[in-house]
PDB file of N, CA and C in Angstrom:
ATOM      1  N   ASP A   1       0.846  -1.176   0.000  1.00  0.00           N
ATOM      2  CA  ASP A   1       0.000   0.000   0.000  1.00  0.00           C
ATOM      3  C   ASP A   1       0.891   1.239   0.000  1.00  0.00           C
ATOM      4  N   MET A   2       0.595   2.194  -0.857  1.00  0.00           N
ATOM      5  CA  MET A   2       1.416   3.388  -0.971  1.00  0.00           C
ATOM      6  C   MET A   2       0.521   4.607  -0.929  1.00  0.00           C
ATOM      7  N   GLU A   3       0.912   5.609  -0.174  1.00  0.00           N
ATOM      8  CA  GLU A   3       0.169   6.852  -0.050  1.00  0.00           C
ATOM      9  C   GLU A   3       0.941   7.951  -0.755  1.00  0.00           C
ATOM     10  N   ILE A   4       0.262   8.754  -1.569  1.00  0.00           N
ATOM     11  CA  ILE A   4       0.895   9.850  -2.292  1.00  0.00           C
ATOM     12  C   ILE A   4       0.322  11.156  -1.758  1.00  0.00           C
ATOM     13  N   ALA A   5       1.172  12.114  -1.467  1.00  0.00           N
ATOM     14  CA  ALA A   5       0.727  13.441  -1.038  1.00  0.00           C
ATOM     15  C   ALA A   5       1.302  14.462  -1.998  1.00  0.00           C
ATOM     16  N   VAL A   6       0.520  15.455  -2.349  1.00  0.00           N
ATOM     17  CA  VAL A   6       0.938  16.496  -3.279  1.00  0.00           C
ATOM     18  C   VAL A   6       0.856  17.835  -2.571  1.00  0.00           C
ATOM     19  N   LEU A   7       1.913  18.630  -2.649  1.00  0.00           N
ATOM     20  CA  LEU A   7       1.919  19.954  -2.038  1.00  0.00           C
ATOM     21  C   LEU A   7       1.340  20.954  -3.024  1.00  0.00           C
ATOM     22  N   THR A   8       0.272  21.606  -2.631  1.00  0.00           N
ATOM     23  CA  THR A   8      -0.351  22.642  -3.444  1.00  0.00           C
ATOM     24  C   THR A   8      -0.421  23.900  -2.589  1.00  0.00           C
ATOM     25  N   SER A   9       0.289  24.919  -2.961  1.00  0.00           N
ATOM     26  CA  SER A   9       0.432  26.134  -2.150  1.00  0.00           C
ATOM     27  C   SER A   9       0.952  25.735  -0.775  1.00  0.00           C
ATOM     28  N   ALA A  10       0.189  26.040   0.284  1.00  0.00           N
ATOM     29  CA  ALA A  10       0.647  25.720   1.636  1.00  0.00           C
ATOM     30  C   ALA A  10      -0.103  24.535   2.210  1.00  0.00           C
ATOM     31  N   ARG A  11      -0.748  23.748   1.378  1.00  0.00           N
ATOM     32  CA  ARG A  11      -1.578  22.652   1.870  1.00  0.00           C
ATOM     33  C   ARG A  11      -1.151  21.350   1.195  1.00  0.00           C
ATOM     34  N   THR A  12      -1.157  20.274   1.951  1.00  0.00           N
ATOM     35  CA  THR A  12      -0.815  18.965   1.404  1.00  0.00           C
ATOM     36  C   THR A  12      -2.065  18.114   1.362  1.00  0.00           C
ATOM     37  N   SER A  13      -2.306  17.465   0.237  1.00  0.00           N
ATOM     38  CA  SER A  13      -3.482  16.602   0.126  1.00  0.00           C
ATOM     39  C   SER A  13      -3.054  15.221  -0.337  1.00  0.00           C
ATOM     40  N   SER A  14      -3.703  14.205   0.174  1.00  0.00           N
ATOM     41  CA  SER A  14      -3.404  12.830  -0.186  1.00  0.00           C
ATOM     42  C   SER A  14      -4.185  12.452  -1.436  1.00  0.00           C
ATOM     43  N   ILE A  15      -3.516  11.805  -2.393  1.00  0.00           N
ATOM     44  CA  ILE A  15      -4.242  11.384  -3.591  1.00  0.00           C
ATOM     45  C   ILE A  15      -4.247   9.867  -3.753  1.00  0.00           C
ATOM     46  N   GLY A  16      -3.782   9.127  -2.751  1.00  0.00           N
ATOM     47  CA  GLY A  16      -3.876   7.672  -2.771  1.00  0.00           C
ATOM     48  C   GLY A  16      -2.913   7.006  -3.732  1.00  0.00           C
ATOM     49  N   ARG A  17      -3.309   5.858  -4.249  1.00  0.00           N
ATOM     50  CA  ARG A  17      -2.439   5.059  -5.120  1.00  0.00           C
ATOM     51  C   ARG A  17      -2.344   5.664  -6.515  1.00  0.00           C
ATOM     52  N   VAL A  18      -1.198   5.477  -7.138  1.00  0.00           N
ATOM     53  CA  VAL A  18      -1.006   5.930  -8.511  1.00  0.00           C
ATOM     54  C   VAL A  18      -0.446   4.789  -9.344  1.00  0.00           C
ATOM     55  N   ALA A  19      -0.749   4.805 -10.607  1.00  0.00           N
ATOM     56  CA  ALA A  19      -0.253   3.784 -11.521  1.00  0.00           C
ATOM     57  C   ALA A  19       1.115   4.192 -12.059  1.00  0.00           C
ATOM     58  N   SER A  20       1.853   3.222 -12.530  1.00  0.00           N
ATOM     59  CA  SER A  20       3.138   3.474 -13.159  1.00  0.00           C
ATOM     60  C   SER A  20       2.956   4.457 -14.314  1.00  0.00           C
ATOM     61  N   MET A  21       3.907   5.369 -14.473  1.00  0.00           N
ATOM     62  CA  MET A  21       3.926   6.390 -15.527  1.00  0.00           C
ATOM     63  C   MET A  21       2.912   7.507 -15.304  1.00  0.00           C
ATOM     64  N   SER A  22       2.308   7.600 -14.119  1.00  0.00           N
ATOM     65  CA  SER A  22       1.383   8.692 -13.806  1.00  0.00           C
ATOM     66  C   SER A  22       2.158   9.952 -13.443  1.00  0.00           C
ATOM     67  N   THR A  23       1.604  11.108 -13.771  1.00  0.00           N
ATOM     68  CA  THR A  23       2.186  12.375 -13.356  1.00  0.00           C
ATOM     69  C   THR A  23       1.801  12.610 -11.908  1.00  0.00           C
ATOM     70  N   ILE A  24       2.793  12.839 -11.039  1.00  0.00           N
ATOM     71  CA  ILE A  24       2.505  13.071  -9.621  1.00  0.00           C
ATOM     72  C   ILE A  24       2.811  14.501  -9.183  1.00  0.00           C
ATOM     73  N   GLY A  25       3.420  15.296 -10.050  1.00  0.00           N
ATOM     74  CA  GLY A  25       3.743  16.665  -9.691  1.00  0.00           C
ATOM     75  C   GLY A  25       4.287  17.408 -10.889  1.00  0.00           C
ATOM     76  N   ALA A  26       4.461  18.695 -10.712  1.00  0.00           N
ATOM     77  CA  ALA A  26       4.981  19.544 -11.780  1.00  0.00           C
ATOM     78  C   ALA A  26       6.270  20.200 -11.304  1.00  0.00           C
ATOM     79  N   VAL A  27       7.172  20.410 -12.216  1.00  0.00           N
ATOM     80  CA  VAL A  27       8.410  21.103 -11.912  1.00  0.00           C
ATOM     81  C   VAL A  27       8.104  22.582 -11.760  1.00  0.00           C
ATOM     82  N   GLY A  28       8.700  23.206 -10.755  1.00  0.00           N
ATOM     83  CA  GLY A  28       8.472  24.628 -10.530  1.00  0.00           C
ATOM     84  C   GLY A  28       9.638  25.241  -9.784  1.00  0.00           C
ATOM     85  N   SER A  29       9.529  26.528  -9.508  1.00  0.00           N
ATOM     86  CA  SER A  29      10.578  27.241  -8.800  1.00  0.00           C
ATOM     87  C   SER A  29       9.937  28.224  -7.831  1.00  0.00           C
ATOM     88  N   SER A  30      10.373  28.173  -6.581  1.00  0.00           N
ATOM     89  CA  SER A  30       9.853  29.103  -5.573  1.00  0.00           C
ATOM     90  C   SER A  30      10.939  29.351  -4.533  1.00  0.00           C
ATOM     91  N   GLY A  31      10.768  30.350  -3.731  1.00  0.00           N
ATOM     92  CA  GLY A  31      11.764  30.648  -2.706  1.00  0.00           C
ATOM     93  C   GLY A  31      13.069  31.081  -3.319  1.00  0.00           C
ATOM     94  N   ASN A  32      14.172  30.565  -2.791  1.00  0.00           N
ATOM     95  CA  ASN A  32      15.503  30.940  -3.259  1.00  0.00           C
ATOM     96  C   ASN A  32      16.094  29.928  -4.231  1.00  0.00           C
ATOM     97  N   SER A  33      15.273  29.188  -4.952  1.00  0.00           N
ATOM     98  CA  SER A  33      15.798  28.194  -5.892  1.00  0.00           C
ATOM     99  C   SER A  33      16.405  28.885  -7.109  1.00  0.00           C
ATOM    100  N   THR A  34      17.396  28.233  -7.714  1.00  0.00           N
ATOM    101  CA  THR A  34      18.060  28.808  -8.885  1.00  0.00           C
ATOM    102  C   THR A  34      17.518  28.256 -10.194  1.00  0.00           C
ATOM    103  N   GLU A  35      16.785  27.143 -10.129  1.00  0.00           N
ATOM    104  CA  GLU A  35      16.176  26.580 -11.328  1.00  0.00           C
ATOM    105  C   GLU A  35      14.947  25.755 -10.944  1.00  0.00           C
ATOM    106  N   PRO A  36      14.063  25.489 -11.903  1.00  0.00           N
ATOM    107  CA  PRO A  36      12.885  24.665 -11.612  1.00  0.00           C
ATOM    108  C   PRO A  36      13.291  23.278 -11.123  1.00  0.00           C
ATOM    109  N   HIS A  37      12.535  22.747 -10.165  1.00  0.00           N
ATOM    110  CA  HIS A  37      12.841  21.442  -9.604  1.00  0.00           C
ATOM    111  C   HIS A  37      11.594  20.840  -8.976  1.00  0.00           C
ATOM    112  N   LEU A  38      11.675  19.588  -8.605  1.00  0.00           N
ATOM    113  CA  LEU A  38      10.561  18.880  -7.984  1.00  0.00           C
ATOM    114  C   LEU A  38      11.098  18.055  -6.828  1.00  0.00           C
ATOM    115  N   HIS A  39      10.499  18.217  -5.643  1.00  0.00           N
ATOM    116  CA  HIS A  39      10.825  17.390  -4.490  1.00  0.00           C
ATOM    117  C   HIS A  39       9.720  16.368  -4.325  1.00  0.00           C
ATOM    118  N   PHE A  40      10.085  15.136  -4.028  1.00  0.00           N
ATOM    119  CA  PHE A  40       9.067  14.125  -3.747  1.00  0.00           C
ATOM    120  C   PHE A  40       9.669  13.062  -2.838  1.00  0.00           C
ATOM    121  N   GLN A  41       8.801  12.366  -2.134  1.00  0.00           N
ATOM    122  CA  GLN A  41       9.210  11.248  -1.297  1.00  0.00           C
ATOM    123  C   GLN A  41       8.143  10.175  -1.418  1.00  0.00           C
ATOM    124  N   ILE A  42       8.565   8.940  -1.590  1.00  0.00           N
ATOM    125  CA  ILE A  42       7.639   7.822  -1.691  1.00  0.00           C
ATOM    126  C   ILE A  42       7.755   7.014  -0.406  1.00  0.00           C
ATOM    127  N   CYS A  43       6.626   6.798   0.280  1.00  0.00           N
ATOM    128  CA  CYS A  43       6.604   6.081   1.555  1.00  0.00           C
ATOM    129  C   CYS A  43       5.575   4.968   1.533  1.00  0.00           C
ATOM    130  N   ASP A  44       5.681   4.066   2.501  1.00  0.00           N
ATOM    131  CA  ASP A  44       4.734   2.960   2.608  1.00  0.00           C
ATOM    132  C   ASP A  44       3.523   3.291   3.482  1.00  0.00           C
ATOM    133  N   GLY A  45       3.357   4.526   3.894  1.00  0.00           N
ATOM    134  CA  GLY A  45       2.220   4.931   4.715  1.00  0.00           C
ATOM    135  C   GLY A  45       2.013   6.423   4.666  1.00  0.00           C
ATOM    136  N   SER A  46       0.966   6.896   5.312  1.00  0.00           N
ATOM    137  CA  SER A  46       0.621   8.319   5.232  1.00  0.00           C
ATOM    138  C   SER A  46       1.249   9.170   6.333  1.00  0.00           C
ATOM    139  N   ASP A  47       1.821   8.565   7.380  1.00  0.00           N
ATOM    140  CA  ASP A  47       2.447   9.327   8.463  1.00  0.00           C
ATOM    141  C   ASP A  47       3.921   9.536   8.122  1.00  0.00           C
ATOM    142  N   ILE A  48       4.277  10.745   7.758  1.00  0.00           N
ATOM    143  CA  ILE A  48       5.638  11.052   7.298  1.00  0.00           C
ATOM    144  C   ILE A  48       6.680  10.790   8.383  1.00  0.00           C
ATOM    145  N   ALA A  49       6.267  10.828   9.650  1.00  0.00           N
ATOM    146  CA  ALA A  49       7.206  10.601  10.754  1.00  0.00           C
ATOM    147  C   ALA A  49       7.525   9.124  10.954  1.00  0.00           C
ATOM    148  N   THR A  50       6.628   8.231  10.550  1.00  0.00           N
ATOM    149  CA  THR A  50       6.840   6.803  10.811  1.00  0.00           C
ATOM    150  C   THR A  50       6.902   5.938   9.554  1.00  0.00           C
ATOM    151  N   CYS A  51       6.595   6.497   8.397  1.00  0.00           N
ATOM    152  CA  CYS A  51       6.594   5.676   7.176  1.00  0.00           C
ATOM    153  C   CYS A  51       8.016   5.320   6.756  1.00  0.00           C
ATOM    154  N   ARG A  52       8.134   4.217   6.038  1.00  0.00           N
ATOM    155  CA  ARG A  52       9.421   3.780   5.504  1.00  0.00           C
ATOM    156  C   ARG A  52       9.513   4.188   4.036  1.00  0.00           C
ATOM    157  N   PRO A  53      10.670   4.694   3.593  1.00  0.00           N
ATOM    158  CA  PRO A  53      10.813   5.109   2.192  1.00  0.00           C
ATOM    159  C   PRO A  53      10.770   3.928   1.237  1.00  0.00           C
ATOM    160  N   ILE A  54      10.245   4.163   0.046  1.00  0.00           N
ATOM    161  CA  ILE A  54      10.212   3.191  -1.036  1.00  0.00           C
ATOM    162  C   ILE A  54      11.082   3.757  -2.159  1.00  0.00           C
ATOM    163  N   PRO A  55      12.049   2.998  -2.664  1.00  0.00           N
ATOM    164  CA  PRO A  55      12.911   3.521  -3.737  1.00  0.00           C
ATOM    165  C   PRO A  55      12.113   3.835  -5.010  1.00  0.00           C
ATOM    166  N   ALA A  56      12.484   4.908  -5.680  1.00  0.00           N
ATOM    167  CA  ALA A  56      11.863   5.279  -6.952  1.00  0.00           C
ATOM    168  C   ALA A  56      12.627   4.608  -8.080  1.00  0.00           C
ATOM    169  N   ASN A  57      11.909   4.167  -9.101  1.00  0.00           N
ATOM    170  CA  ASN A  57      12.521   3.554 -10.271  1.00  0.00           C
ATOM    171  C   ASN A  57      12.147   4.401 -11.488  1.00  0.00           C
ATOM    172  N   PHE A  58      13.104   5.136 -12.023  1.00  0.00           N
ATOM    173  CA  PHE A  58      12.851   6.007 -13.157  1.00  0.00           C
ATOM    174  C   PHE A  58      13.113   5.264 -14.464  1.00  0.00           C
ATOM    175  N   VAL A  59      12.259   5.493 -15.455  1.00  0.00           N
ATOM    176  CA  VAL A  59      12.445   4.896 -16.777  1.00  0.00           C
ATOM    177  C   VAL A  59      12.377   6.001 -17.822  1.00  0.00           C
ATOM    178  N   SER A  60      12.999   5.785 -18.946  1.00  0.00           N
ATOM    179  CA  SER A  60      12.942   6.697 -20.081  1.00  0.00           C
ATOM    180  C   SER A  60      13.422   8.109 -19.723  1.00  0.00           C
ATOM    181  N   TYR A  61      14.700   8.224 -19.363  1.00  0.00           N
ATOM    182  CA  TYR A  61      15.273   9.531 -19.055  1.00  0.00           C
ATOM    183  C   TYR A  61      16.676   9.629 -19.653  1.00  0.00           C
ATOM    184  N   ARG A  62      17.153  10.873 -19.779  1.00  0.00           N
ATOM    185  CA  ARG A  62      18.517  11.135 -20.255  1.00  0.00           C
ATOM    186  C   ARG A  62      19.203  12.070 -19.268  1.00  0.00           C
ATOM    187  N   LEU A  63      20.492  11.865 -19.090  1.00  0.00           N
ATOM    188  CA  LEU A  63      21.342  12.781 -18.322  1.00  0.00           C
ATOM    189  C   LEU A  63      22.217  13.484 -19.357  1.00  0.00           C
ATOM    190  N   PRO A  64      21.823  14.684 -19.826  1.00  0.00           N
ATOM    191  CA  PRO A  64      22.457  15.307 -20.987  1.00  0.00           C
ATOM    192  C   PRO A  64      23.931  15.660 -20.814  1.00  0.00           C
ATOM    193  N   PHE A  65      24.418  15.774 -19.587  1.00  0.00           N
ATOM    194  CA  PHE A  65      25.815  16.182 -19.388  1.00  0.00           C
ATOM    195  C   PHE A  65      26.722  15.020 -18.999  1.00  0.00           C
ATOM    196  N   GLU A  66      26.231  13.781 -19.122  1.00  0.00           N
ATOM    197  CA  GLU A  66      27.019  12.597 -18.774  1.00  0.00           C
ATOM    198  C   GLU A  66      27.487  11.881 -20.034  1.00  0.00           C
ATOM    199  N   LEU A  67      28.653  11.272 -19.978  1.00  0.00           N
ATOM    200  CA  LEU A  67      29.217  10.571 -21.126  1.00  0.00           C
ATOM    201  C   LEU A  67      28.715   9.132 -21.235  1.00  0.00           C
ATOM    202  N   ALA A  68      28.271   8.557 -20.117  1.00  0.00           N
ATOM    203  CA  ALA A  68      27.810   7.164 -20.119  1.00  0.00           C
ATOM    204  C   ALA A  68      26.547   7.052 -19.268  1.00  0.00           C
ATOM    205  N   PRO A  69      25.684   6.087 -19.558  1.00  0.00           N
ATOM    206  CA  PRO A  69      24.468   5.896 -18.757  1.00  0.00           C
ATOM    207  C   PRO A  69      24.808   5.574 -17.298  1.00  0.00           C
ATOM    208  N   ARG A  70      24.017   6.086 -16.382  1.00  0.00           N
ATOM    209  CA  ARG A  70      24.154   5.792 -14.957  1.00  0.00           C
ATOM    210  C   ARG A  70      22.843   6.128 -14.264  1.00  0.00           C
ATOM    211  N   SER A  71      22.741   5.801 -12.990  1.00  0.00           N
ATOM    212  CA  SER A  71      21.543   6.110 -12.200  1.00  0.00           C
ATOM    213  C   SER A  71      21.473   7.604 -11.912  1.00  0.00           C
ATOM    214  N   ILE A  72      20.260   8.104 -11.699  1.00  0.00           N
ATOM    215  CA  ILE A  72      20.052   9.504 -11.328  1.00  0.00           C
ATOM    216  C   ILE A  72      20.565   9.725  -9.913  1.00  0.00           C
ATOM    217  N   GLN A  73      21.240  10.859  -9.714  1.00  0.00           N
ATOM    218  CA  GLN A  73      21.744  11.256  -8.402  1.00  0.00           C
ATOM    219  C   GLN A  73      21.215  12.637  -8.059  1.00  0.00           C
ATOM    220  N   SER A  74      21.233  12.981  -6.790  1.00  0.00           N
ATOM    221  CA  SER A  74      20.800  14.297  -6.333  1.00  0.00           C
ATOM    222  C   SER A  74      21.561  15.382  -7.088  1.00  0.00           C
ATOM    223  N   GLY A  75      20.853  16.385  -7.582  1.00  0.00           N
ATOM    224  CA  GLY A  75      21.458  17.498  -8.285  1.00  0.00           C
ATOM    225  C   GLY A  75      21.621  17.321  -9.781  1.00  0.00           C
ATOM    226  N   ASP A  76      21.267  16.150 -10.316  1.00  0.00           N
ATOM    227  CA  ASP A  76      21.400  15.907 -11.751  1.00  0.00           C
ATOM    228  C   ASP A  76      20.427  16.736 -12.575  1.00  0.00           C
ATOM    229  N   VAL A  77      20.856  17.134 -13.763  1.00  0.00           N
ATOM    230  CA  VAL A  77      19.955  17.677 -14.782  1.00  0.00           C
ATOM    231  C   VAL A  77      19.419  16.479 -15.535  1.00  0.00           C
ATOM    232  N   VAL A  78      18.086  16.356 -15.595  1.00  0.00           N
ATOM    233  CA  VAL A  78      17.452  15.185 -16.203  1.00  0.00           C
ATOM    234  C   VAL A  78      16.472  15.637 -17.289  1.00  0.00           C
ATOM    235  N   GLU A  79      16.508  14.934 -18.424  1.00  0.00           N
ATOM    236  CA  GLU A  79      15.563  15.197 -19.512  1.00  0.00           C
ATOM    237  C   GLU A  79      14.751  13.928 -19.746  1.00  0.00           C
ATOM    238  N   THR A  80      13.528  14.104 -20.242  1.00  0.00           N
ATOM    239  CA  THR A  80      12.732  12.922 -20.573  1.00  0.00           C
ATOM    240  C   THR A  80      13.368  12.211 -21.747  1.00  0.00           C
ATOM    241  N   GLY A  81      13.243  10.891 -21.763  1.00  0.00           N
ATOM    242  CA  GLY A  81      13.863  10.099 -22.807  1.00  0.00           C
ATOM    243  C   GLY A  81      12.932   9.811 -23.964  1.00  0.00           C
ATOM    244  N   GLU A  82      11.782  10.435 -23.966  1.00  0.00           N
ATOM    245  CA  GLU A  82      10.782  10.177 -25.018  1.00  0.00           C
ATOM    246  C   GLU A  82      11.151  10.857 -26.311  1.00  0.00           C
TER     247      GLU A  82
END
């Protein structure tokens, strides 16, 4: 069972289960950010203090500044692979 929460303005709402390849958020920029970005966390429950993280599996993406394929890391520039 997986719970998804989406931040909209200053309020968080739960949207329940999502299917593979579903859009769960939009890239944006607010505060002191230098470029558009998206923060997300996948957990096995709705209580952020007690839930356990679930690893994300990304498909169909490109890392435009890398010479060889590798996994996505924090801070990477990522493009869709479509």
